Amino acid sequence: MSEYNFLYDLPRVDFNQRGLHYLPRIQYGREHPRQFMECIFKDGIKGKPVLVWIHGGGWQDDNLTPSYRPEETLAELAESGFFIACIEYRLAQHASFPACITDCQKAVIYLKKHSTDFEIDPDRIGVWGESAGAHIAAMTALNFNKDPEAEVQAAVLWYCPSDLKIQMERKEEKDIVSSLLGCDAKKNPELVEKASPITYVGNRKIPFLLIHGDADQLVAYEQSVKFSEMLCHTGTKATLITVPGQGHGFFQGQEYYEDVINFLKTTLQETLKNSEVSLQYEKTMD
């Protein structure tokens, strides 16, 4: 997952000019300098739902940072009342699996513990990741280690490597997965399974939105097909949107960003009854 198909340049946003607060570095952990987040929010709104953005990069690309993100979409969400936390995390060269995932969980727990300071709702947190970041988001959403403090309520996954056994079918990807695990992945199939989101389907039945290009050569589109089918089979609300002709990388077409906004507003921003997440979001699959 080290090569991306960049179809166009993502627009940058001056958050302050948009009337938003931008906090460039909040340390959520002390084990490593990369355990920090960049936060974007609108002042004067109490009980804000939270969105945690997680960048990709094959779990090891230090050129990608929390600022590698769809800023216009995140700004729109912040303007509508979301608290946005774009996280950095330890890469494979710093610490092996499950460090990158537990870092995401640490960020979630930090936000919950500081919910009063940030004026956020600790029971309305969603995660959105792309590529390796989607893998981290999926593992967090499914609460792979059953940490009660790290539970989230919704997940958006862009071209997610949900089954690392399939991911390893390409030789170069086998090496990347081995880096993530800190060992020869081929010789450790049990660890490969343990590090795959698909293993934890059914752990938590929160709403999922998966978006994947059917021409992706780095993370096979079939992974999202299989993952969404298995989620639905357990009674989990999972919607898969297929992007025709799209390779690996941020999507071309505003509609896919609108899909994310609509999903997050419906699942996290609407008034919740009895602390249950609304599952009203629907999208007809082509």
C-alpha atoms as a PDB file:
ATOM      1  CA  MET A   1       0.000   0.000   0.000  1.00  0.00           C
ATOM      2  CA  SER A   2       2.892   2.313  -0.633  1.00  0.00           C
ATOM      3  CA  GLU A   3       1.675   3.474  -4.048  1.00  0.00           C
ATOM      4  CA  TYR A   4      -1.378   5.690  -4.390  1.00  0.00           C
ATOM      5  CA  ASN A   5      -3.434   6.701  -7.398  1.00  0.00           C
ATOM      6  CA  PHE A   6      -3.798  10.428  -6.755  1.00  0.00           C
ATOM      7  CA  LEU A   7      -6.539  11.486  -9.132  1.00  0.00           C
ATOM      8  CA  TYR A   8      -6.470  15.127  -8.095  1.00  0.00           C
ATOM      9  CA  ASP A   9      -5.045  17.444  -5.477  1.00  0.00           C
ATOM     10  CA  LEU A  10      -7.121  17.667  -2.324  1.00  0.00           C
ATOM     11  CA  PRO A  11      -7.979  21.293  -1.542  1.00  0.00           C
ATOM     12  CA  ARG A  12      -6.417  22.763   1.582  1.00  0.00           C
ATOM     13  CA  VAL A  13      -8.534  24.727   4.017  1.00  0.00           C
ATOM     14  CA  ASP A  14      -7.709  27.701   6.219  1.00  0.00           C
ATOM     15  CA  PHE A  15      -9.723  26.514   9.210  1.00  0.00           C
ATOM     16  CA  ASN A  16      -9.332  29.758  11.149  1.00  0.00           C
ATOM     17  CA  GLN A  17     -10.591  31.743   8.174  1.00  0.00           C
ATOM     18  CA  ARG A  18     -13.649  29.482   8.142  1.00  0.00           C
ATOM     19  CA  GLY A  19     -14.372  30.442  11.749  1.00  0.00           C
ATOM     20  CA  LEU A  20     -13.102  27.154  13.151  1.00  0.00           C
ATOM     21  CA  HIS A  21     -10.629  26.463  15.922  1.00  0.00           C
ATOM     22  CA  TYR A  22      -7.546  24.517  14.867  1.00  0.00           C
ATOM     23  CA  LEU A  23      -5.359  22.921  17.530  1.00  0.00           C
ATOM     24  CA  PRO A  24      -2.244  21.605  15.741  1.00  0.00           C
ATOM     25  CA  ARG A  25      -0.810  19.264  18.366  1.00  0.00           C
ATOM     26  CA  ILE A  26      -2.538  17.608  21.312  1.00  0.00           C
ATOM     27  CA  GLN A  27      -0.557  14.763  22.835  1.00  0.00           C
ATOM     28  CA  TYR A  28      -2.834  11.842  23.737  1.00  0.00           C
ATOM     29  CA  GLY A  29       0.014   9.537  24.772  1.00  0.00           C
ATOM     30  CA  ARG A  30       3.556   9.775  26.130  1.00  0.00           C
ATOM     31  CA  GLU A  31       5.150   6.593  24.810  1.00  0.00           C
ATOM     32  CA  HIS A  32       6.151   8.131  21.467  1.00  0.00           C
ATOM     33  CA  PRO A  33       6.195  11.615  19.861  1.00  0.00           C
ATOM     34  CA  ARG A  34       3.769  10.428  17.169  1.00  0.00           C
ATOM     35  CA  GLN A  35       0.982   9.952  19.709  1.00  0.00           C
ATOM     36  CA  PHE A  36      -0.737  13.252  18.999  1.00  0.00           C
ATOM     37  CA  MET A  37      -3.807  14.623  17.259  1.00  0.00           C
ATOM     38  CA  GLU A  38      -4.783  17.756  15.365  1.00  0.00           C
ATOM     39  CA  CYS A  39      -8.248  19.016  16.279  1.00  0.00           C
ATOM     40  CA  ILE A  40     -10.777  21.127  14.373  1.00  0.00           C
ATOM     41  CA  PHE A  41     -14.034  22.400  15.869  1.00  0.00           C
ATOM     42  CA  LYS A  42     -16.525  25.224  16.074  1.00  0.00           C
ATOM     43  CA  ASP A  43     -16.797  27.176  19.292  1.00  0.00           C
ATOM     44  CA  GLY A  44     -19.996  27.504  21.302  1.00  0.00           C
ATOM     45  CA  ILE A  45     -21.436  24.037  20.647  1.00  0.00           C
ATOM     46  CA  LYS A  46     -21.848  21.684  23.577  1.00  0.00           C
ATOM     47  CA  GLY A  47     -22.200  17.912  23.305  1.00  0.00           C
ATOM     48  CA  LYS A  48     -20.463  17.734  19.940  1.00  0.00           C
ATOM     49  CA  PRO A  49     -20.236  14.336  18.238  1.00  0.00           C
ATOM     50  CA  VAL A  50     -16.655  13.330  17.458  1.00  0.00           C
ATOM     51  CA  LEU A  51     -14.999  12.101  14.284  1.00  0.00           C
ATOM     52  CA  VAL A  52     -11.523  10.576  14.457  1.00  0.00           C
ATOM     53  CA  TRP A  53      -9.693  10.736  11.100  1.00  0.00           C
ATOM     54  CA  ILE A  54      -6.914   8.147  10.498  1.00  0.00           C
ATOM     55  CA  HIS A  55      -4.551   8.480   7.535  1.00  0.00           C
ATOM     56  CA  GLY A  56      -3.104   5.506   5.665  1.00  0.00           C
ATOM     57  CA  GLY A  57       0.355   4.799   4.299  1.00  0.00           C
ATOM     58  CA  GLY A  58       0.880   1.070   4.650  1.00  0.00           C
ATOM     59  CA  TRP A  59       1.407   1.356   8.423  1.00  0.00           C
ATOM     60  CA  GLN A  60       4.927   2.656   7.732  1.00  0.00           C
ATOM     61  CA  ASP A  61       4.957   5.728   5.449  1.00  0.00           C
ATOM     62  CA  ASP A  62       6.201   8.621   7.569  1.00  0.00           C
ATOM     63  CA  ASN A  63       5.543  11.055   4.719  1.00  0.00           C
ATOM     64  CA  LEU A  64       1.833  10.860   5.497  1.00  0.00           C
ATOM     65  CA  THR A  65       0.694  12.800   8.559  1.00  0.00           C
ATOM     66  CA  PRO A  66      -2.574  13.849  10.229  1.00  0.00           C
ATOM     67  CA  SER A  67      -2.680  16.648   7.634  1.00  0.00           C
ATOM     68  CA  TYR A  68      -3.123  14.044   4.879  1.00  0.00           C
ATOM     69  CA  ARG A  69      -6.896  14.348   4.931  1.00  0.00           C
ATOM     70  CA  PRO A  70     -10.006  15.508   3.027  1.00  0.00           C
ATOM     71  CA  GLU A  71      -9.961  18.947   4.611  1.00  0.00           C
ATOM     72  CA  GLU A  72     -13.041  20.403   2.891  1.00  0.00           C
ATOM     73  CA  THR A  73     -15.211  17.525   4.099  1.00  0.00           C
ATOM     74  CA  LEU A  74     -13.773  17.714   7.607  1.00  0.00           C
ATOM     75  CA  ALA A  75     -14.341  21.492   7.662  1.00  0.00           C
ATOM     76  CA  GLU A  76     -17.968  21.018   6.621  1.00  0.00           C
ATOM     77  CA  LEU A  77     -18.461  18.493   9.401  1.00  0.00           C
ATOM     78  CA  ALA A  78     -16.835  20.825  11.935  1.00  0.00           C
ATOM     79  CA  GLU A  79     -19.021  23.710  10.755  1.00  0.00           C
ATOM     80  CA  SER A  80     -22.092  21.527  11.284  1.00  0.00           C
ATOM     81  CA  GLY A  81     -21.073  20.805  14.881  1.00  0.00           C
ATOM     82  CA  PHE A  82     -18.624  17.890  14.808  1.00  0.00           C
ATOM     83  CA  PHE A  83     -15.380  17.801  16.772  1.00  0.00           C
ATOM     84  CA  ILE A  84     -12.681  16.508  14.393  1.00  0.00           C
ATOM     85  CA  ALA A  85      -9.582  14.735  15.709  1.00  0.00           C
ATOM     86  CA  CYS A  86      -6.966  13.813  13.078  1.00  0.00           C
ATOM     87  CA  ILE A  87      -4.582  11.393  14.735  1.00  0.00           C
ATOM     88  CA  GLU A  88      -0.994  10.344  14.243  1.00  0.00           C
ATOM     89  CA  TYR A  89       0.134   6.958  15.526  1.00  0.00           C
ATOM     90  CA  ARG A  90       3.195   4.768  15.884  1.00  0.00           C
ATOM     91  CA  LEU A  91       4.255   3.215  12.594  1.00  0.00           C
ATOM     92  CA  ALA A  92       5.498  -0.332  12.093  1.00  0.00           C
ATOM     93  CA  GLN A  93       9.137   0.773  12.342  1.00  0.00           C
ATOM     94  CA  HIS A  94       8.412   2.223  15.783  1.00  0.00           C
ATOM     95  CA  ALA A  95       6.316  -0.573  17.262  1.00  0.00           C
ATOM     96  CA  SER A  96       4.680  -3.661  15.774  1.00  0.00           C
ATOM     97  CA  PHE A  97       1.049  -4.762  15.855  1.00  0.00           C
ATOM     98  CA  PRO A  98      -1.127  -3.884  17.687  1.00  0.00           C
ATOM     99  CA  ALA A  99       0.571  -0.569  18.572  1.00  0.00           C
ATOM    100  CA  CYS A 100      -1.014   1.490  15.774  1.00  0.00           C
ATOM    101  CA  ILE A 101      -4.480   0.275  16.782  1.00  0.00           C
ATOM    102  CA  THR A 102      -4.025   0.700  20.510  1.00  0.00           C
ATOM    103  CA  ASP A 103      -2.809   4.225  19.731  1.00  0.00           C
ATOM    104  CA  CYS A 104      -6.136   4.940  18.068  1.00  0.00           C
ATOM    105  CA  GLN A 105      -7.878   3.509  21.099  1.00  0.00           C
ATOM    106  CA  LYS A 106      -5.721   5.686  23.360  1.00  0.00           C
ATOM    107  CA  ALA A 107      -6.842   8.724  21.363  1.00  0.00           C
ATOM    108  CA  VAL A 108     -10.493   7.710  21.749  1.00  0.00           C
ATOM    109  CA  ILE A 109     -10.050   7.184  25.497  1.00  0.00           C
ATOM    110  CA  TYR A 110      -8.241  10.536  25.813  1.00  0.00           C
ATOM    111  CA  LEU A 111     -11.127  12.308  24.088  1.00  0.00           C
ATOM    112  CA  LYS A 112     -13.652  10.629  26.373  1.00  0.00           C
ATOM    113  CA  LYS A 113     -11.693  11.548  29.495  1.00  0.00           C
ATOM    114  CA  HIS A 114     -11.489  15.176  28.318  1.00  0.00           C
ATOM    115  CA  SER A 115     -15.058  15.354  27.043  1.00  0.00           C
ATOM    116  CA  THR A 116     -15.908  18.232  29.387  1.00  0.00           C
ATOM    117  CA  ASP A 117     -12.866  20.252  28.277  1.00  0.00           C
ATOM    118  CA  PHE A 118     -13.668  19.754  24.582  1.00  0.00           C
ATOM    119  CA  GLU A 119     -17.456  19.997  25.085  1.00  0.00           C
ATOM    120  CA  ILE A 120     -17.990  16.715  23.262  1.00  0.00           C
ATOM    121  CA  ASP A 121     -20.346  13.772  23.712  1.00  0.00           C
ATOM    122  CA  PRO A 122     -18.214  10.758  24.758  1.00  0.00           C
ATOM    123  CA  ASP A 123     -20.974   8.397  23.606  1.00  0.00           C
ATOM    124  CA  ARG A 124     -21.036   9.665  20.019  1.00  0.00           C
ATOM    125  CA  ILE A 125     -17.648   8.951  18.476  1.00  0.00           C
ATOM    126  CA  GLY A 126     -17.008   7.759  14.937  1.00  0.00           C
ATOM    127  CA  VAL A 127     -13.825   6.711  13.138  1.00  0.00           C
ATOM    128  CA  TRP A 128     -12.946   7.326   9.484  1.00  0.00           C
ATOM    129  CA  GLY A 129      -9.822   5.828   7.937  1.00  0.00           C
ATOM    130  CA  GLU A 130      -8.364   5.278   4.497  1.00  0.00           C
ATOM    131  CA  SER A 131      -6.232   2.293   3.433  1.00  0.00           C
ATOM    132  CA  ALA A 132      -4.055   1.254   6.414  1.00  0.00           C
ATOM    133  CA  GLY A 133      -5.965   3.893   8.373  1.00  0.00           C
ATOM    134  CA  ALA A 134      -9.187   2.093   7.465  1.00  0.00           C
ATOM    135  CA  HIS A 135      -7.682  -1.112   8.854  1.00  0.00           C
ATOM    136  CA  ILE A 136      -6.965   0.716  12.119  1.00  0.00           C
ATOM    137  CA  ALA A 137     -10.464   2.225  12.085  1.00  0.00           C
ATOM    138  CA  ALA A 138     -12.070  -1.191  11.516  1.00  0.00           C
ATOM    139  CA  MET A 139     -10.101  -2.849  14.308  1.00  0.00           C
ATOM    140  CA  THR A 140     -11.032   0.023  16.623  1.00  0.00           C
ATOM    141  CA  ALA A 141     -14.693  -0.026  15.595  1.00  0.00           C
ATOM    142  CA  LEU A 142     -14.917  -3.779  16.176  1.00  0.00           C
ATOM    143  CA  ASN A 143     -13.034  -3.329  19.472  1.00  0.00           C
ATOM    144  CA  PHE A 144     -10.667  -6.190  18.678  1.00  0.00           C
ATOM    145  CA  ASN A 145      -9.315  -6.421  22.240  1.00  0.00           C
ATOM    146  CA  LYS A 146     -12.688  -5.754  23.918  1.00  0.00           C
ATOM    147  CA  ASP A 147     -11.543  -2.626  25.737  1.00  0.00           C
ATOM    148  CA  PRO A 148     -14.759  -1.149  27.215  1.00  0.00           C
ATOM    149  CA  GLU A 149     -13.233   2.338  27.384  1.00  0.00           C
ATOM    150  CA  ALA A 150     -12.375   2.424  23.659  1.00  0.00           C
ATOM    151  CA  GLU A 151     -15.798   1.749  22.141  1.00  0.00           C
ATOM    152  CA  VAL A 152     -16.960   3.932  19.246  1.00  0.00           C
ATOM    153  CA  GLN A 153     -20.379   4.222  17.634  1.00  0.00           C
ATOM    154  CA  ALA A 154     -19.813   4.381  13.843  1.00  0.00           C
ATOM    155  CA  ALA A 155     -17.130   3.685  11.231  1.00  0.00           C
ATOM    156  CA  VAL A 156     -16.302   4.857   7.703  1.00  0.00           C
ATOM    157  CA  LEU A 157     -13.808   2.660   5.863  1.00  0.00           C
ATOM    158  CA  TRP A 158     -12.177   3.667   2.571  1.00  0.00           C
ATOM    159  CA  TYR A 159     -10.550   0.791   0.639  1.00  0.00           C
ATOM    160  CA  CYS A 160      -9.964  -1.196   3.808  1.00  0.00           C
ATOM    161  CA  PRO A 161      -7.540  -4.161   3.967  1.00  0.00           C
ATOM    162  CA  SER A 162      -9.949  -6.187   6.078  1.00  0.00           C
ATOM    163  CA  ASP A 163      -8.403  -9.614   5.454  1.00  0.00           C
ATOM    164  CA  LEU A 164      -4.605  -9.576   5.639  1.00  0.00           C
ATOM    165  CA  LYS A 165      -4.413 -13.109   4.298  1.00  0.00           C
ATOM    166  CA  ILE A 166      -5.852 -11.823   1.011  1.00  0.00           C
ATOM    167  CA  GLN A 167      -3.650  -8.733   1.234  1.00  0.00           C
ATOM    168  CA  MET A 168      -0.569 -10.978   1.337  1.00  0.00           C
ATOM    169  CA  GLU A 169      -1.348 -12.543  -2.031  1.00  0.00           C
ATOM    170  CA  ARG A 170       0.776  -9.784  -3.598  1.00  0.00           C
ATOM    171  CA  LYS A 171       4.461 -10.331  -2.720  1.00  0.00           C
ATOM    172  CA  GLU A 172       5.202  -6.703  -1.878  1.00  0.00           C
ATOM    173  CA  GLU A 173       2.145  -6.579   0.354  1.00  0.00           C
ATOM    174  CA  LYS A 174       3.318  -9.697   2.197  1.00  0.00           C
ATOM    175  CA  ASP A 175       6.462  -7.776   3.131  1.00  0.00           C
ATOM    176  CA  ILE A 176       4.389  -4.804   4.317  1.00  0.00           C
ATOM    177  CA  VAL A 177       2.158  -7.035   6.437  1.00  0.00           C
ATOM    178  CA  SER A 178       5.290  -8.662   7.871  1.00  0.00           C
ATOM    179  CA  SER A 179       6.525  -5.188   8.837  1.00  0.00           C
ATOM    180  CA  LEU A 180       3.225  -4.463  10.559  1.00  0.00           C
ATOM    181  CA  LEU A 181       3.395  -7.720  12.521  1.00  0.00           C
ATOM    182  CA  GLY A 182       7.098  -7.510  13.280  1.00  0.00           C
ATOM    183  CA  CYS A 183       7.729 -11.040  12.004  1.00  0.00           C
ATOM    184  CA  ASP A 184       7.502 -13.216   8.887  1.00  0.00           C
ATOM    185  CA  ALA A 185       3.766 -13.106   8.216  1.00  0.00           C
ATOM    186  CA  LYS A 186       3.870 -16.266   6.094  1.00  0.00           C
ATOM    187  CA  LYS A 187       5.228 -18.238   9.051  1.00  0.00           C
ATOM    188  CA  ASN A 188       2.709 -16.774  11.488  1.00  0.00           C
ATOM    189  CA  PRO A 189      -0.799 -17.310  10.028  1.00  0.00           C
ATOM    190  CA  GLU A 190      -2.415 -17.088  13.468  1.00  0.00           C
ATOM    191  CA  LEU A 191      -1.017 -13.593  13.942  1.00  0.00           C
ATOM    192  CA  VAL A 192      -2.176 -12.610  10.438  1.00  0.00           C
ATOM    193  CA  GLU A 193      -5.672 -13.711  11.416  1.00  0.00           C
ATOM    194  CA  LYS A 194      -5.445 -11.882  14.731  1.00  0.00           C
ATOM    195  CA  ALA A 195      -4.506  -8.654  12.920  1.00  0.00           C
ATOM    196  CA  SER A 196      -7.373  -8.889  10.391  1.00  0.00           C
ATOM    197  CA  PRO A 197     -10.594  -6.928  11.028  1.00  0.00           C
ATOM    198  CA  ILE A 198     -12.667  -9.675   9.416  1.00  0.00           C
ATOM    199  CA  THR A 199     -11.773 -11.935  12.366  1.00  0.00           C
ATOM    200  CA  TYR A 200     -13.761  -9.711  14.732  1.00  0.00           C
ATOM    201  CA  VAL A 201     -16.993  -9.391  12.754  1.00  0.00           C
ATOM    202  CA  GLY A 202     -19.859  -9.540  15.217  1.00  0.00           C
ATOM    203  CA  ASN A 203     -17.899  -8.081  18.151  1.00  0.00           C
ATOM    204  CA  ARG A 204     -19.872  -4.836  17.950  1.00  0.00           C
ATOM    205  CA  LYS A 205     -22.924  -4.108  15.815  1.00  0.00           C
ATOM    206  CA  ILE A 206     -22.418  -0.440  15.047  1.00  0.00           C
ATOM    207  CA  PRO A 207     -23.140   1.095  11.608  1.00  0.00           C
ATOM    208  CA  PHE A 208     -20.413   0.839   8.946  1.00  0.00           C
ATOM    209  CA  LEU A 209     -20.005   2.682   5.663  1.00  0.00           C
ATOM    210  CA  LEU A 210     -17.492   1.102   3.258  1.00  0.00           C
ATOM    211  CA  ILE A 211     -16.401   2.814   0.038  1.00  0.00           C
ATOM    212  CA  HIS A 212     -14.046   1.074  -2.400  1.00  0.00           C
ATOM    213  CA  GLY A 213     -12.968   1.465  -6.017  1.00  0.00           C
ATOM    214  CA  ASP A 214     -13.499  -1.615  -8.166  1.00  0.00           C
ATOM    215  CA  ALA A 215     -10.171  -1.035  -9.974  1.00  0.00           C
ATOM    216  CA  ASP A 216      -8.046  -0.926  -6.824  1.00  0.00           C
ATOM    217  CA  GLN A 217      -4.810  -2.837  -7.443  1.00  0.00           C
ATOM    218  CA  LEU A 218      -3.385  -2.462  -3.929  1.00  0.00           C
ATOM    219  CA  VAL A 219      -6.323  -3.467  -1.756  1.00  0.00           C
ATOM    220  CA  ALA A 220      -8.652  -5.789  -3.646  1.00  0.00           C
ATOM    221  CA  TYR A 221     -12.223  -4.529  -3.944  1.00  0.00           C
ATOM    222  CA  GLU A 222     -13.390  -8.050  -3.093  1.00  0.00           C
ATOM    223  CA  GLN A 223     -12.135  -7.528   0.452  1.00  0.00           C
ATOM    224  CA  SER A 224     -14.807  -4.896   1.077  1.00  0.00           C
ATOM    225  CA  VAL A 225     -17.451  -7.028  -0.627  1.00  0.00           C
ATOM    226  CA  LYS A 226     -16.674  -9.962   1.657  1.00  0.00           C
ATOM    227  CA  PHE A 227     -16.313  -7.789   4.746  1.00  0.00           C
ATOM    228  CA  SER A 228     -19.631  -5.986   4.230  1.00  0.00           C
ATOM    229  CA  GLU A 229     -21.439  -9.257   3.546  1.00  0.00           C
ATOM    230  CA  MET A 230     -20.080 -10.801   6.739  1.00  0.00           C
ATOM    231  CA  LEU A 231     -21.002  -7.715   8.767  1.00  0.00           C
ATOM    232  CA  CYS A 232     -24.559  -7.789   7.424  1.00  0.00           C
ATOM    233  CA  HIS A 233     -24.790 -11.510   8.125  1.00  0.00           C
ATOM    234  CA  THR A 234     -24.298 -10.787  11.842  1.00  0.00           C
ATOM    235  CA  GLY A 235     -27.060  -8.180  11.815  1.00  0.00           C
ATOM    236  CA  THR A 236     -24.672  -5.254  11.593  1.00  0.00           C
ATOM    237  CA  LYS A 237     -25.811  -2.290   9.474  1.00  0.00           C
ATOM    238  CA  ALA A 238     -23.112  -2.160   6.771  1.00  0.00           C
ATOM    239  CA  THR A 239     -23.391  -0.282   3.489  1.00  0.00           C
ATOM    240  CA  LEU A 240     -20.891  -0.766   0.648  1.00  0.00           C
ATOM    241  CA  ILE A 241     -20.574   1.899  -2.039  1.00  0.00           C
ATOM    242  CA  THR A 242     -18.657   0.903  -5.164  1.00  0.00           C
ATOM    243  CA  VAL A 243     -16.700   3.546  -7.084  1.00  0.00           C
ATOM    244  CA  PRO A 244     -16.477   2.428 -10.750  1.00  0.00           C
ATOM    245  CA  GLY A 245     -13.007   2.549 -12.291  1.00  0.00           C
ATOM    246  CA  GLN A 246     -11.379   3.984  -9.173  1.00  0.00           C
ATOM    247  CA  GLY A 247      -7.923   2.844  -8.148  1.00  0.00           C
ATOM    248  CA  HIS A 248      -6.264   3.202  -4.753  1.00  0.00           C
ATOM    249  CA  GLY A 249      -6.489   6.695  -3.310  1.00  0.00           C
ATOM    250  CA  PHE A 250      -8.872   9.520  -2.500  1.00  0.00           C
ATOM    251  CA  PHE A 251     -12.022   9.402  -4.598  1.00  0.00           C
ATOM    252  CA  GLN A 252     -12.831  11.627  -7.529  1.00  0.00           C
ATOM    253  CA  GLY A 253     -16.375  12.864  -7.234  1.00  0.00           C
ATOM    254  CA  GLN A 254     -17.982  14.980  -4.537  1.00  0.00           C
ATOM    255  CA  GLU A 255     -20.836  12.503  -4.138  1.00  0.00           C
ATOM    256  CA  TYR A 256     -18.636  10.081  -2.188  1.00  0.00           C
ATOM    257  CA  TYR A 257     -17.686  12.784   0.301  1.00  0.00           C
ATOM    258  CA  GLU A 258     -21.352  13.722   0.620  1.00  0.00           C
ATOM    259  CA  ASP A 259     -22.100  10.067   1.347  1.00  0.00           C
ATOM    260  CA  VAL A 260     -19.688  10.240   4.279  1.00  0.00           C
ATOM    261  CA  ILE A 261     -21.202  13.476   5.590  1.00  0.00           C
ATOM    262  CA  ASN A 262     -24.753  12.123   5.355  1.00  0.00           C
ATOM    263  CA  PHE A 263     -23.795   8.852   7.041  1.00  0.00           C
ATOM    264  CA  LEU A 264     -22.031  10.560   9.940  1.00  0.00           C
ATOM    265  CA  LYS A 265     -24.776  13.109  10.473  1.00  0.00           C
ATOM    266  CA  THR A 266     -27.412  10.386  10.501  1.00  0.00           C
ATOM    267  CA  THR A 267     -25.578   7.974  12.775  1.00  0.00           C
ATOM    268  CA  LEU A 268     -23.917  10.414  15.171  1.00  0.00           C
ATOM    269  CA  GLN A 269     -25.530  13.839  15.014  1.00  0.00           C
ATOM    270  CA  GLU A 270     -29.235  13.085  15.193  1.00  0.00           C
ATOM    271  CA  THR A 271     -30.867  13.034  18.612  1.00  0.00           C
ATOM    272  CA  LEU A 272     -30.197   9.649  20.193  1.00  0.00           C
ATOM    273  CA  LYS A 273     -32.908   7.822  22.105  1.00  0.00           C
ATOM    274  CA  ASN A 274     -31.992   5.590  25.025  1.00  0.00           C
ATOM    275  CA  SER A 275     -28.293   6.010  24.054  1.00  0.00           C
ATOM    276  CA  GLU A 276     -28.813   3.855  20.948  1.00  0.00           C
ATOM    277  CA  VAL A 277     -27.276   4.843  17.613  1.00  0.00           C
ATOM    278  CA  SER A 278     -29.770   5.620  14.878  1.00  0.00           C
ATOM    279  CA  LEU A 279     -29.551   3.186  11.986  1.00  0.00           C
ATOM    280  CA  GLN A 280     -31.674   5.138   9.522  1.00  0.00           C
ATOM    281  CA  TYR A 281     -28.978   5.624   6.904  1.00  0.00           C
ATOM    282  CA  GLU A 282     -29.801   3.859   3.665  1.00  0.00           C
ATOM    283  CA  LYS A 283     -28.157   3.842   0.258  1.00  0.00           C
ATOM    284  CA  THR A 284     -29.188   1.672  -2.643  1.00  0.00           C
ATOM    285  CA  MET A 285     -26.274  -0.339  -4.012  1.00  0.00           C
ATOM    286  CA  ASP A 286     -25.811  -0.166  -7.759  1.00  0.00           C
END
